[in-house]
Amino acid sequence: MRFGITAEQRAFAEALDDLLTEADVPAVDRAVADGKADSAVALWARLADMGVPALLVPEVYGGIGGTAVDLVVAFERLGCHGVPGPWIETAALAAVVATDGRLLSRIADGSARVSVAAPPWAPYALDCALATDVFLLTATGLAPATPGERLWSVDPTRTPWSVVAAEPEAPVDPIVRGRGLDTAALACAAMLVGAADQMLAVTVEYVGQRRQFGRVIGEFQAVKHALADVRVAVDFARPLVHGAAQALAAGDLIAPREVSAAKVAAATAAARAATAGLQAHGAIGYTQEADLSIWYLRTRALLGAWGTVGEHRARVLDCLTAV
């Protein structure tokens, strides 16, 4: 199995990097945290022009008709830059499970920003104030929903809402439903890998500048070892994410196990990067002025999103021990 990406996918990732670097995403995150969604909507439109929400939408509806590998390439860059908004719900879940051609066309052209509650992995809808369409994914179908109570999140850029189904649901095939949930978990894993990589880069830059006892702290062995452990964890997680994407794209029967293994590895790497980054930065890492805090809080929120580490470990075990 090939875990590498194609030249076309690499060029796509580089183009996303260029766009998101120029867009100053940390400033967008801070605006969203303050309740100002305009800049996030504008960024969504720019990413839609590049085809990000259209990646998994069938070509007949104006989409790209891509694969899960294309999706993880894009979502790793979204995670690396800390892009806010219901991207997983729109581009990874709704694009797979929705049956309404008009909705799929709107997802593809970027005019639909979809939030979906999908119990038990995602019991709340995310960013209903930013979303244009809200749904509840039940065991049997996808139902339009209305937001209820706004809840608290450790990440101020990710606002969860309780929802209530407002109209009859459109039936969703159980196999399609399962594939949609696996795609969402995989996209979350890719975002965690991207966030981990960025936290490592930010921390390496910081420890190369901060001085203590007359030396830059990056020269201390304890700091070197902690960051080396993060590098190893990220480099082990990324192939698992790409391997799971290959299995999902091929419709492999072991794809659910591979997705869960990827989510566990990505969450572990991101948690290690967040801890090491905060320890290296010290108290300044907690502050809103420090960019590290954006990825740190996003990581804490994503660790439990689309299945916790414990839930995915249990699913791996169930798959391995199934008769």
C-alpha atoms as a PDB file:
ATOM      1  CA  MET A   1       0.000   0.000   0.000  1.00  0.00           C
ATOM      2  CA  ARG A   2       1.254   3.472  -0.908  1.00  0.00           C
ATOM      3  CA  PHE A   3       1.086   5.932   1.988  1.00  0.00           C
ATOM      4  CA  GLY A   4       2.641   8.831   0.103  1.00  0.00           C
ATOM      5  CA  ILE A   5       0.650  11.503  -1.715  1.00  0.00           C
ATOM      6  CA  THR A   6       0.699  12.305  -5.416  1.00  0.00           C
ATOM      7  CA  ALA A   7       2.336  15.332  -6.959  1.00  0.00           C
ATOM      8  CA  GLU A   8      -1.125  16.794  -7.579  1.00  0.00           C
ATOM      9  CA  GLN A   9      -2.130  16.322  -3.934  1.00  0.00           C
ATOM     10  CA  ARG A  10       1.149  17.852  -2.779  1.00  0.00           C
ATOM     11  CA  ALA A  11       0.557  20.884  -5.004  1.00  0.00           C
ATOM     12  CA  PHE A  12      -2.957  21.202  -3.587  1.00  0.00           C
ATOM     13  CA  ALA A  13      -1.579  21.144  -0.038  1.00  0.00           C
ATOM     14  CA  GLU A  14       1.002  23.798  -0.924  1.00  0.00           C
ATOM     15  CA  ALA A  15      -1.679  26.007  -2.466  1.00  0.00           C
ATOM     16  CA  LEU A  16      -3.774  25.681   0.691  1.00  0.00           C
ATOM     17  CA  ASP A  17      -0.733  26.593   2.785  1.00  0.00           C
ATOM     18  CA  ASP A  18      -0.157  29.714   0.702  1.00  0.00           C
ATOM     19  CA  LEU A  19      -3.796  30.801   0.975  1.00  0.00           C
ATOM     20  CA  LEU A  20      -4.083  30.153   4.711  1.00  0.00           C
ATOM     21  CA  THR A  21      -0.768  31.795   5.527  1.00  0.00           C
ATOM     22  CA  GLU A  22      -1.847  34.927   3.664  1.00  0.00           C
ATOM     23  CA  ALA A  23      -5.283  34.827   5.361  1.00  0.00           C
ATOM     24  CA  ASP A  24      -3.807  35.158   8.891  1.00  0.00           C
ATOM     25  CA  VAL A  25      -6.002  32.405  10.334  1.00  0.00           C
ATOM     26  CA  PRO A  26      -5.063  33.098  14.002  1.00  0.00           C
ATOM     27  CA  ALA A  27      -6.688  36.526  13.601  1.00  0.00           C
ATOM     28  CA  VAL A  28      -9.785  34.826  12.179  1.00  0.00           C
ATOM     29  CA  ASP A  29      -9.842  32.462  15.174  1.00  0.00           C
ATOM     30  CA  ARG A  30      -9.668  35.347  17.606  1.00  0.00           C
ATOM     31  CA  ALA A  31     -12.509  37.119  15.801  1.00  0.00           C
ATOM     32  CA  VAL A  32     -14.674  33.982  15.965  1.00  0.00           C
ATOM     33  CA  ALA A  33     -13.896  33.624  19.672  1.00  0.00           C
ATOM     34  CA  ASP A  34     -15.198  37.198  20.105  1.00  0.00           C
ATOM     35  CA  GLY A  35     -18.450  36.298  18.324  1.00  0.00           C
ATOM     36  CA  LYS A  36     -17.550  37.882  14.970  1.00  0.00           C
ATOM     37  CA  ALA A  37     -18.111  35.362  12.162  1.00  0.00           C
ATOM     38  CA  ASP A  38     -17.623  37.567   9.088  1.00  0.00           C
ATOM     39  CA  SER A  39     -13.955  36.750   8.603  1.00  0.00           C
ATOM     40  CA  ALA A  40     -14.614  33.009   9.024  1.00  0.00           C
ATOM     41  CA  VAL A  41     -17.364  33.155   6.379  1.00  0.00           C
ATOM     42  CA  ALA A  42     -15.017  34.999   4.027  1.00  0.00           C
ATOM     43  CA  LEU A  43     -12.306  32.399   4.602  1.00  0.00           C
ATOM     44  CA  TRP A  44     -14.847  29.623   3.947  1.00  0.00           C
ATOM     45  CA  ALA A  45     -15.639  31.205   0.573  1.00  0.00           C
ATOM     46  CA  ARG A  46     -11.953  31.357  -0.362  1.00  0.00           C
ATOM     47  CA  LEU A  47     -11.437  27.707   0.552  1.00  0.00           C
ATOM     48  CA  ALA A  48     -14.588  26.799  -1.377  1.00  0.00           C
ATOM     49  CA  ASP A  49     -13.069  28.462  -4.441  1.00  0.00           C
ATOM     50  CA  MET A  50     -10.219  25.972  -4.059  1.00  0.00           C
ATOM     51  CA  GLY A  51     -12.665  23.076  -3.838  1.00  0.00           C
ATOM     52  CA  VAL A  52     -12.207  22.013  -0.213  1.00  0.00           C
ATOM     53  CA  PRO A  53     -15.898  21.438   0.648  1.00  0.00           C
ATOM     54  CA  ALA A  54     -16.437  19.836  -2.780  1.00  0.00           C
ATOM     55  CA  LEU A  55     -13.782  17.151  -2.377  1.00  0.00           C
ATOM     56  CA  LEU A  56     -16.167  14.266  -1.628  1.00  0.00           C
ATOM     57  CA  VAL A  57     -19.268  15.619  -3.374  1.00  0.00           C
ATOM     58  CA  PRO A  58     -20.065  13.591  -6.533  1.00  0.00           C
ATOM     59  CA  GLU A  59     -19.263  15.316  -9.812  1.00  0.00           C
ATOM     60  CA  VAL A  60     -22.915  15.173 -10.881  1.00  0.00           C
ATOM     61  CA  TYR A  61     -23.655  17.735  -8.144  1.00  0.00           C
ATOM     62  CA  GLY A  62     -20.770  20.006  -9.037  1.00  0.00           C
ATOM     63  CA  GLY A  63     -18.279  18.346  -6.716  1.00  0.00           C
ATOM     64  CA  ILE A  64     -14.808  16.965  -7.309  1.00  0.00           C
ATOM     65  CA  GLY A  65     -15.651  13.327  -6.600  1.00  0.00           C
ATOM     66  CA  GLY A  66     -12.371  12.827  -4.778  1.00  0.00           C
ATOM     67  CA  THR A  67     -11.285  10.207  -2.265  1.00  0.00           C
ATOM     68  CA  ALA A  68     -10.651  10.066   1.454  1.00  0.00           C
ATOM     69  CA  VAL A  69      -6.952  10.545   0.701  1.00  0.00           C
ATOM     70  CA  ASP A  70      -7.700  13.897  -0.944  1.00  0.00           C
ATOM     71  CA  LEU A  71      -9.735  14.801   2.128  1.00  0.00           C
ATOM     72  CA  VAL A  72      -6.994  14.054   4.678  1.00  0.00           C
ATOM     73  CA  VAL A  73      -4.459  16.025   2.625  1.00  0.00           C
ATOM     74  CA  ALA A  74      -6.726  19.067   2.875  1.00  0.00           C
ATOM     75  CA  PHE A  75      -7.750  18.568   6.490  1.00  0.00           C
ATOM     76  CA  GLU A  76      -4.181  18.227   7.699  1.00  0.00           C
ATOM     77  CA  ARG A  77      -3.565  21.713   6.311  1.00  0.00           C
ATOM     78  CA  LEU A  78      -6.786  23.018   7.901  1.00  0.00           C
ATOM     79  CA  GLY A  79      -5.618  21.621  11.231  1.00  0.00           C
ATOM     80  CA  CYS A  80      -2.114  23.006  10.785  1.00  0.00           C
ATOM     81  CA  HIS A  81      -3.444  26.536  10.290  1.00  0.00           C
ATOM     82  CA  GLY A  82      -6.242  26.247  12.873  1.00  0.00           C
ATOM     83  CA  VAL A  83      -9.111  26.990  10.466  1.00  0.00           C
ATOM     84  CA  PRO A  84     -12.398  27.435  12.394  1.00  0.00           C
ATOM     85  CA  GLY A  85     -15.886  26.328  11.397  1.00  0.00           C
ATOM     86  CA  PRO A  86     -17.885  23.126  10.858  1.00  0.00           C
ATOM     87  CA  TRP A  87     -15.569  21.749   8.200  1.00  0.00           C
ATOM     88  CA  ILE A  88     -15.702  18.134   9.355  1.00  0.00           C
ATOM     89  CA  GLU A  89     -19.496  18.190   9.469  1.00  0.00           C
ATOM     90  CA  THR A  90     -19.777  19.755   6.008  1.00  0.00           C
ATOM     91  CA  ALA A  91     -16.988  18.318   3.867  1.00  0.00           C
ATOM     92  CA  ALA A  92     -16.534  14.937   5.560  1.00  0.00           C
ATOM     93  CA  LEU A  93     -19.939  13.916   6.935  1.00  0.00           C
ATOM     94  CA  ALA A  94     -22.721  15.732   5.091  1.00  0.00           C
ATOM     95  CA  ALA A  95     -20.962  15.307   1.744  1.00  0.00           C
ATOM     96  CA  VAL A  96     -21.102  11.529   2.290  1.00  0.00           C
ATOM     97  CA  VAL A  97     -24.496  10.931   3.935  1.00  0.00           C
ATOM     98  CA  ALA A  98     -26.682  13.643   2.353  1.00  0.00           C
ATOM     99  CA  THR A  99     -29.058  12.503  -0.384  1.00  0.00           C
ATOM    100  CA  ASP A 100     -30.536  15.897  -1.296  1.00  0.00           C
ATOM    101  CA  GLY A 101     -28.928  16.982  -4.563  1.00  0.00           C
ATOM    102  CA  ARG A 102     -29.600  20.662  -3.869  1.00  0.00           C
ATOM    103  CA  LEU A 103     -27.783  20.465  -0.543  1.00  0.00           C
ATOM    104  CA  LEU A 104     -24.856  18.631  -2.126  1.00  0.00           C
ATOM    105  CA  SER A 105     -24.617  21.272  -4.837  1.00  0.00           C
ATOM    106  CA  ARG A 106     -24.609  24.018  -2.211  1.00  0.00           C
ATOM    107  CA  ILE A 107     -21.901  22.206  -0.250  1.00  0.00           C
ATOM    108  CA  ALA A 108     -19.817  21.941  -3.408  1.00  0.00           C
ATOM    109  CA  ASP A 109     -20.063  25.645  -4.287  1.00  0.00           C
ATOM    110  CA  GLY A 110     -19.459  26.748  -0.694  1.00  0.00           C
ATOM    111  CA  SER A 111     -22.856  28.348  -0.079  1.00  0.00           C
ATOM    112  CA  ALA A 112     -23.818  25.681   2.490  1.00  0.00           C
ATOM    113  CA  ARG A 113     -22.004  25.503   5.813  1.00  0.00           C
ATOM    114  CA  VAL A 114     -23.486  22.418   7.426  1.00  0.00           C
ATOM    115  CA  SER A 115     -23.503  21.492  11.098  1.00  0.00           C
ATOM    116  CA  VAL A 116     -24.533  17.968  12.074  1.00  0.00           C
ATOM    117  CA  ALA A 117     -25.122  16.370  15.456  1.00  0.00           C
ATOM    118  CA  ALA A 118     -24.412  12.649  15.199  1.00  0.00           C
ATOM    119  CA  PRO A 119     -24.831  10.895  18.556  1.00  0.00           C
ATOM    120  CA  PRO A 120     -23.046   9.239  20.224  1.00  0.00           C
ATOM    121  CA  TRP A 121     -19.746  10.364  18.659  1.00  0.00           C
ATOM    122  CA  ALA A 122     -20.910  13.941  18.113  1.00  0.00           C
ATOM    123  CA  PRO A 123     -23.932  14.565  20.363  1.00  0.00           C
ATOM    124  CA  TYR A 124     -24.005  18.317  19.649  1.00  0.00           C
ATOM    125  CA  ALA A 125     -24.031  20.436  16.500  1.00  0.00           C
ATOM    126  CA  LEU A 126     -21.024  22.693  16.083  1.00  0.00           C
ATOM    127  CA  ASP A 127     -21.076  26.408  15.303  1.00  0.00           C
ATOM    128  CA  CYS A 128     -24.785  26.777  14.555  1.00  0.00           C
ATOM    129  CA  ALA A 129     -24.333  30.554  14.443  1.00  0.00           C
ATOM    130  CA  LEU A 130     -21.947  30.100  11.504  1.00  0.00           C
ATOM    131  CA  ALA A 131     -23.836  27.256   9.812  1.00  0.00           C
ATOM    132  CA  THR A 132     -26.471  27.778   7.131  1.00  0.00           C
ATOM    133  CA  ASP A 133     -27.978  24.293   7.613  1.00  0.00           C
ATOM    134  CA  VAL A 134     -28.287  22.188  10.768  1.00  0.00           C
ATOM    135  CA  PHE A 135     -29.084  18.465  10.867  1.00  0.00           C
ATOM    136  CA  LEU A 136     -29.416  15.561  13.257  1.00  0.00           C
ATOM    137  CA  LEU A 137     -28.021  12.239  12.057  1.00  0.00           C
ATOM    138  CA  THR A 138     -30.050   9.490  13.681  1.00  0.00           C
ATOM    139  CA  ALA A 139     -29.657   5.724  13.473  1.00  0.00           C
ATOM    140  CA  THR A 140     -31.857   5.698  10.379  1.00  0.00           C
ATOM    141  CA  GLY A 141     -31.599   9.031   8.609  1.00  0.00           C
ATOM    142  CA  LEU A 142     -30.647  12.696   8.338  1.00  0.00           C
ATOM    143  CA  ALA A 143     -33.215  15.137   9.730  1.00  0.00           C
ATOM    144  CA  PRO A 144     -33.225  18.952   9.489  1.00  0.00           C
ATOM    145  CA  ALA A 145     -32.889  20.328  13.014  1.00  0.00           C
ATOM    146  CA  THR A 146     -33.232  23.522  14.995  1.00  0.00           C
ATOM    147  CA  PRO A 147     -30.576  24.665  17.492  1.00  0.00           C
ATOM    148  CA  GLY A 148     -31.531  24.569  21.145  1.00  0.00           C
ATOM    149  CA  GLU A 149     -29.197  25.462  23.998  1.00  0.00           C
ATOM    150  CA  ARG A 150     -25.774  26.935  23.385  1.00  0.00           C
ATOM    151  CA  LEU A 151     -23.159  25.041  25.409  1.00  0.00           C
ATOM    152  CA  TRP A 152     -19.629  25.740  26.625  1.00  0.00           C
ATOM    153  CA  SER A 153     -16.457  24.457  24.974  1.00  0.00           C
ATOM    154  CA  VAL A 154     -12.841  24.542  26.061  1.00  0.00           C
ATOM    155  CA  ASP A 155     -12.152  26.011  22.604  1.00  0.00           C
ATOM    156  CA  PRO A 156     -13.933  29.374  22.212  1.00  0.00           C
ATOM    157  CA  THR A 157     -13.874  28.968  18.408  1.00  0.00           C
ATOM    158  CA  ARG A 158     -15.907  25.725  18.589  1.00  0.00           C
ATOM    159  CA  THR A 159     -19.389  26.366  19.989  1.00  0.00           C
ATOM    160  CA  PRO A 160     -21.559  23.252  20.531  1.00  0.00           C
ATOM    161  CA  TRP A 161     -25.370  23.414  20.473  1.00  0.00           C
ATOM    162  CA  SER A 162     -28.041  20.944  21.421  1.00  0.00           C
ATOM    163  CA  VAL A 163     -30.462  20.310  18.535  1.00  0.00           C
ATOM    164  CA  VAL A 164     -33.981  19.019  18.011  1.00  0.00           C
ATOM    165  CA  ALA A 165     -35.170  17.410  14.788  1.00  0.00           C
ATOM    166  CA  ALA A 166     -37.556  19.835  13.075  1.00  0.00           C
ATOM    167  CA  GLU A 167     -38.727  17.877  10.017  1.00  0.00           C
ATOM    168  CA  PRO A 168     -39.037  14.256   8.917  1.00  0.00           C
ATOM    169  CA  GLU A 169     -35.684  12.677   8.226  1.00  0.00           C
ATOM    170  CA  ALA A 170     -34.356  11.531   4.875  1.00  0.00           C
ATOM    171  CA  PRO A 171     -33.422   7.838   5.115  1.00  0.00           C
ATOM    172  CA  VAL A 172     -29.702   7.050   5.099  1.00  0.00           C
ATOM    173  CA  ASP A 173     -28.405   3.564   4.321  1.00  0.00           C
ATOM    174  CA  PRO A 174     -26.651   2.119   7.414  1.00  0.00           C
ATOM    175  CA  ILE A 175     -23.528   1.361   5.385  1.00  0.00           C
ATOM    176  CA  VAL A 176     -23.408   4.938   4.094  1.00  0.00           C
ATOM    177  CA  ARG A 177     -24.015   6.239   7.604  1.00  0.00           C
ATOM    178  CA  GLY A 178     -21.100   4.206   8.930  1.00  0.00           C
ATOM    179  CA  ARG A 179     -18.843   5.397   6.124  1.00  0.00           C
ATOM    180  CA  GLY A 180     -19.827   8.989   6.839  1.00  0.00           C
ATOM    181  CA  LEU A 181     -18.981   8.687  10.528  1.00  0.00           C
ATOM    182  CA  ASP A 182     -15.661   7.014   9.714  1.00  0.00           C
ATOM    183  CA  THR A 183     -14.869   9.794   7.242  1.00  0.00           C
ATOM    184  CA  ALA A 184     -15.615  12.408   9.903  1.00  0.00           C
ATOM    185  CA  ALA A 185     -13.383  10.625  12.444  1.00  0.00           C
ATOM    186  CA  LEU A 186     -10.632  10.377   9.852  1.00  0.00           C
ATOM    187  CA  ALA A 187     -10.896  14.080   9.006  1.00  0.00           C
ATOM    188  CA  CYS A 188     -10.645  14.846  12.717  1.00  0.00           C
ATOM    189  CA  ALA A 189      -7.518  12.674  12.932  1.00  0.00           C
ATOM    190  CA  ALA A 190      -5.975  14.544   9.992  1.00  0.00           C
ATOM    191  CA  MET A 191      -6.703  17.884  11.680  1.00  0.00           C
ATOM    192  CA  LEU A 192      -5.037  16.628  14.857  1.00  0.00           C
ATOM    193  CA  VAL A 193      -1.921  15.617  12.914  1.00  0.00           C
ATOM    194  CA  GLY A 194      -1.795  19.060  11.320  1.00  0.00           C
ATOM    195  CA  ALA A 195      -2.273  20.777  14.670  1.00  0.00           C
ATOM    196  CA  ALA A 196       0.437  18.638  16.253  1.00  0.00           C
ATOM    197  CA  ASP A 197       2.866  19.465  13.463  1.00  0.00           C
ATOM    198  CA  GLN A 198       2.175  23.179  13.836  1.00  0.00           C
ATOM    199  CA  MET A 199       2.515  23.152  17.635  1.00  0.00           C
ATOM    200  CA  LEU A 200       5.860  21.399  17.232  1.00  0.00           C
ATOM    201  CA  ALA A 201       7.054  23.988  14.690  1.00  0.00           C
ATOM    202  CA  VAL A 202       5.932  26.905  16.869  1.00  0.00           C
ATOM    203  CA  THR A 203       7.623  25.388  19.925  1.00  0.00           C
ATOM    204  CA  VAL A 204      10.874  24.625  18.121  1.00  0.00           C
ATOM    205  CA  GLU A 205      11.015  28.240  16.975  1.00  0.00           C
ATOM    206  CA  TYR A 206      10.299  29.502  20.499  1.00  0.00           C
ATOM    207  CA  VAL A 207      12.909  27.361  22.273  1.00  0.00           C
ATOM    208  CA  GLY A 208      15.462  28.546  19.748  1.00  0.00           C
ATOM    209  CA  GLN A 209      14.901  32.129  20.911  1.00  0.00           C
ATOM    210  CA  ARG A 210      14.100  32.016  24.627  1.00  0.00           C
ATOM    211  CA  ARG A 211      17.168  32.211  26.861  1.00  0.00           C
ATOM    212  CA  GLN A 212      17.653  30.966  30.393  1.00  0.00           C
ATOM    213  CA  PHE A 213      20.851  30.669  32.438  1.00  0.00           C
ATOM    214  CA  GLY A 214      22.708  32.334  29.589  1.00  0.00           C
ATOM    215  CA  ARG A 215      21.660  29.750  26.957  1.00  0.00           C
ATOM    216  CA  VAL A 216      18.741  29.241  24.591  1.00  0.00           C
ATOM    217  CA  ILE A 217      16.497  26.643  26.216  1.00  0.00           C
ATOM    218  CA  GLY A 218      16.473  24.559  23.035  1.00  0.00           C
ATOM    219  CA  GLU A 219      19.996  23.449  23.944  1.00  0.00           C
ATOM    220  CA  PHE A 220      18.806  21.672  27.101  1.00  0.00           C
ATOM    221  CA  GLN A 221      18.552  17.906  26.728  1.00  0.00           C
ATOM    222  CA  ALA A 222      15.212  17.672  28.493  1.00  0.00           C
ATOM    223  CA  VAL A 223      13.680  20.072  25.966  1.00  0.00           C
ATOM    224  CA  LYS A 224      15.311  18.285  23.022  1.00  0.00           C
ATOM    225  CA  HIS A 225      14.058  14.890  24.177  1.00  0.00           C
ATOM    226  CA  ALA A 226      10.484  16.101  24.723  1.00  0.00           C
ATOM    227  CA  LEU A 227      10.295  17.639  21.255  1.00  0.00           C
ATOM    228  CA  ALA A 228      11.965  14.614  19.649  1.00  0.00           C
ATOM    229  CA  ASP A 229       9.254  12.430  21.189  1.00  0.00           C
ATOM    230  CA  VAL A 230       6.629  14.675  19.598  1.00  0.00           C
ATOM    231  CA  ARG A 231       8.362  14.412  16.208  1.00  0.00           C
ATOM    232  CA  VAL A 232       8.326  10.619  16.416  1.00  0.00           C
ATOM    233  CA  ALA A 233       4.664  10.533  17.485  1.00  0.00           C
ATOM    234  CA  VAL A 234       3.581  12.782  14.605  1.00  0.00           C
ATOM    235  CA  ASP A 235       5.631  10.841  12.063  1.00  0.00           C
ATOM    236  CA  PHE A 236       4.046   7.590  13.241  1.00  0.00           C
ATOM    237  CA  ALA A 237       0.509   8.998  13.221  1.00  0.00           C
ATOM    238  CA  ARG A 238       0.571  10.476   9.711  1.00  0.00           C
ATOM    239  CA  PRO A 239       1.065   7.129   7.858  1.00  0.00           C
ATOM    240  CA  LEU A 240      -1.748   5.607   9.922  1.00  0.00           C
ATOM    241  CA  VAL A 241      -4.060   8.426   8.830  1.00  0.00           C
ATOM    242  CA  HIS A 242      -3.104   7.992   5.182  1.00  0.00           C
ATOM    243  CA  GLY A 243      -3.364   4.208   5.450  1.00  0.00           C
ATOM    244  CA  ALA A 244      -6.864   4.518   6.898  1.00  0.00           C
ATOM    245  CA  ALA A 245      -7.788   6.904   4.081  1.00  0.00           C
ATOM    246  CA  GLN A 246      -6.589   4.361   1.527  1.00  0.00           C
ATOM    247  CA  ALA A 247      -8.635   1.623   3.194  1.00  0.00           C
ATOM    248  CA  LEU A 248     -11.724   3.831   3.357  1.00  0.00           C
ATOM    249  CA  ALA A 249     -11.371   4.899  -0.277  1.00  0.00           C
ATOM    250  CA  ALA A 250     -11.059   1.256  -1.345  1.00  0.00           C
ATOM    251  CA  GLY A 251     -14.083   0.173   0.695  1.00  0.00           C
ATOM    252  CA  ASP A 252     -11.911  -2.272   2.630  1.00  0.00           C
ATOM    253  CA  LEU A 253     -13.698  -4.238   5.343  1.00  0.00           C
ATOM    254  CA  ILE A 254     -10.964  -3.325   7.837  1.00  0.00           C
ATOM    255  CA  ALA A 255     -11.414   0.412   7.198  1.00  0.00           C
ATOM    256  CA  PRO A 256     -13.288   1.046  10.498  1.00  0.00           C
ATOM    257  CA  ARG A 257     -10.421  -0.523  12.446  1.00  0.00           C
ATOM    258  CA  GLU A 258      -7.863   1.504  10.505  1.00  0.00           C
ATOM    259  CA  VAL A 259      -9.786   4.735  11.086  1.00  0.00           C
ATOM    260  CA  SER A 260      -9.961   4.088  14.824  1.00  0.00           C
ATOM    261  CA  ALA A 261      -6.240   3.270  14.999  1.00  0.00           C
ATOM    262  CA  ALA A 262      -5.487   6.492  13.121  1.00  0.00           C
ATOM    263  CA  LYS A 263      -7.671   8.565  15.456  1.00  0.00           C
ATOM    264  CA  VAL A 264      -5.924   7.098  18.508  1.00  0.00           C
ATOM    265  CA  ALA A 265      -2.440   7.741  17.100  1.00  0.00           C
ATOM    266  CA  ALA A 266      -3.294  11.266  15.941  1.00  0.00           C
ATOM    267  CA  ALA A 267      -4.910  12.171  19.263  1.00  0.00           C
ATOM    268  CA  THR A 268      -1.928  10.807  21.180  1.00  0.00           C
ATOM    269  CA  ALA A 269       0.542  12.761  19.031  1.00  0.00           C
ATOM    270  CA  ALA A 270      -1.452  15.986  19.308  1.00  0.00           C
ATOM    271  CA  ALA A 271      -1.853  15.646  23.070  1.00  0.00           C
ATOM    272  CA  ARG A 272       1.902  15.117  23.411  1.00  0.00           C
ATOM    273  CA  ALA A 273       2.627  18.129  21.180  1.00  0.00           C
ATOM    274  CA  ALA A 274       0.235  20.302  23.188  1.00  0.00           C
ATOM    275  CA  THR A 275       1.791  19.291  26.508  1.00  0.00           C
ATOM    276  CA  ALA A 276       5.370  19.704  25.308  1.00  0.00           C
ATOM    277  CA  GLY A 277       4.552  23.046  23.708  1.00  0.00           C
ATOM    278  CA  LEU A 278       2.949  24.411  26.844  1.00  0.00           C
ATOM    279  CA  GLN A 279       5.795  23.203  29.049  1.00  0.00           C
ATOM    280  CA  ALA A 280       8.359  24.852  26.778  1.00  0.00           C
ATOM    281  CA  HIS A 281       6.459  28.131  26.526  1.00  0.00           C
ATOM    282  CA  GLY A 282       5.607  28.322  30.198  1.00  0.00           C
ATOM    283  CA  ALA A 283       2.707  30.449  31.411  1.00  0.00           C
ATOM    284  CA  ILE A 284       2.739  32.608  28.273  1.00  0.00           C
ATOM    285  CA  GLY A 285       1.441  29.598  26.339  1.00  0.00           C
ATOM    286  CA  TYR A 286      -1.905  29.918  28.130  1.00  0.00           C
ATOM    287  CA  THR A 287      -2.471  33.500  27.061  1.00  0.00           C
ATOM    288  CA  GLN A 288      -4.743  34.522  24.197  1.00  0.00           C
ATOM    289  CA  GLU A 289      -1.908  36.580  22.747  1.00  0.00           C
ATOM    290  CA  ALA A 290       0.179  33.436  22.168  1.00  0.00           C
ATOM    291  CA  ASP A 291      -0.733  31.592  18.972  1.00  0.00           C
ATOM    292  CA  LEU A 292       0.080  28.310  20.712  1.00  0.00           C
ATOM    293  CA  SER A 293      -3.082  28.671  22.776  1.00  0.00           C
ATOM    294  CA  ILE A 294      -5.221  28.439  19.613  1.00  0.00           C
ATOM    295  CA  TRP A 295      -3.869  24.999  18.677  1.00  0.00           C
ATOM    296  CA  TYR A 296      -3.671  23.891  22.288  1.00  0.00           C
ATOM    297  CA  LEU A 297      -7.374  24.542  22.916  1.00  0.00           C
ATOM    298  CA  ARG A 298      -8.374  23.194  19.496  1.00  0.00           C
ATOM    299  CA  THR A 299      -6.504  19.988  20.273  1.00  0.00           C
ATOM    300  CA  ARG A 300      -8.233  19.611  23.643  1.00  0.00           C
ATOM    301  CA  ALA A 301     -11.587  19.945  21.902  1.00  0.00           C
ATOM    302  CA  LEU A 302     -10.760  17.562  19.051  1.00  0.00           C
ATOM    303  CA  LEU A 303      -9.419  14.832  21.341  1.00  0.00           C
ATOM    304  CA  GLY A 304     -12.960  13.890  22.291  1.00  0.00           C
ATOM    305  CA  ALA A 305     -14.636  14.808  19.003  1.00  0.00           C
ATOM    306  CA  TRP A 306     -15.875  12.024  16.717  1.00  0.00           C
ATOM    307  CA  GLY A 307     -15.082   9.342  19.246  1.00  0.00           C
ATOM    308  CA  THR A 308     -12.770   9.471  22.237  1.00  0.00           C
ATOM    309  CA  VAL A 309      -9.466   7.643  22.399  1.00  0.00           C
ATOM    310  CA  GLY A 310     -11.098   5.091  24.694  1.00  0.00           C
ATOM    311  CA  GLU A 311     -13.982   4.493  22.284  1.00  0.00           C
ATOM    312  CA  HIS A 312     -11.651   4.037  19.324  1.00  0.00           C
ATOM    313  CA  ARG A 313      -9.326   1.736  21.263  1.00  0.00           C
ATOM    314  CA  ALA A 314     -12.361  -0.362  22.129  1.00  0.00           C
ATOM    315  CA  ARG A 315     -13.384  -0.539  18.483  1.00  0.00           C
ATOM    316  CA  VAL A 316      -9.903  -1.646  17.435  1.00  0.00           C
ATOM    317  CA  LEU A 317     -10.061  -4.376  20.071  1.00  0.00           C
ATOM    318  CA  ASP A 318     -13.524  -5.461  18.930  1.00  0.00           C
ATOM    319  CA  CYS A 319     -12.338  -5.690  15.333  1.00  0.00           C
ATOM    320  CA  LEU A 320      -9.263  -7.701  16.253  1.00  0.00           C
ATOM    321  CA  THR A 321     -11.150 -10.149  18.450  1.00  0.00           C
ATOM    322  CA  ALA A 322     -14.227 -10.565  16.227  1.00  0.00           C
ATOM    323  CA  VAL A 323     -14.806 -14.153  15.210  1.00  0.00           C
END
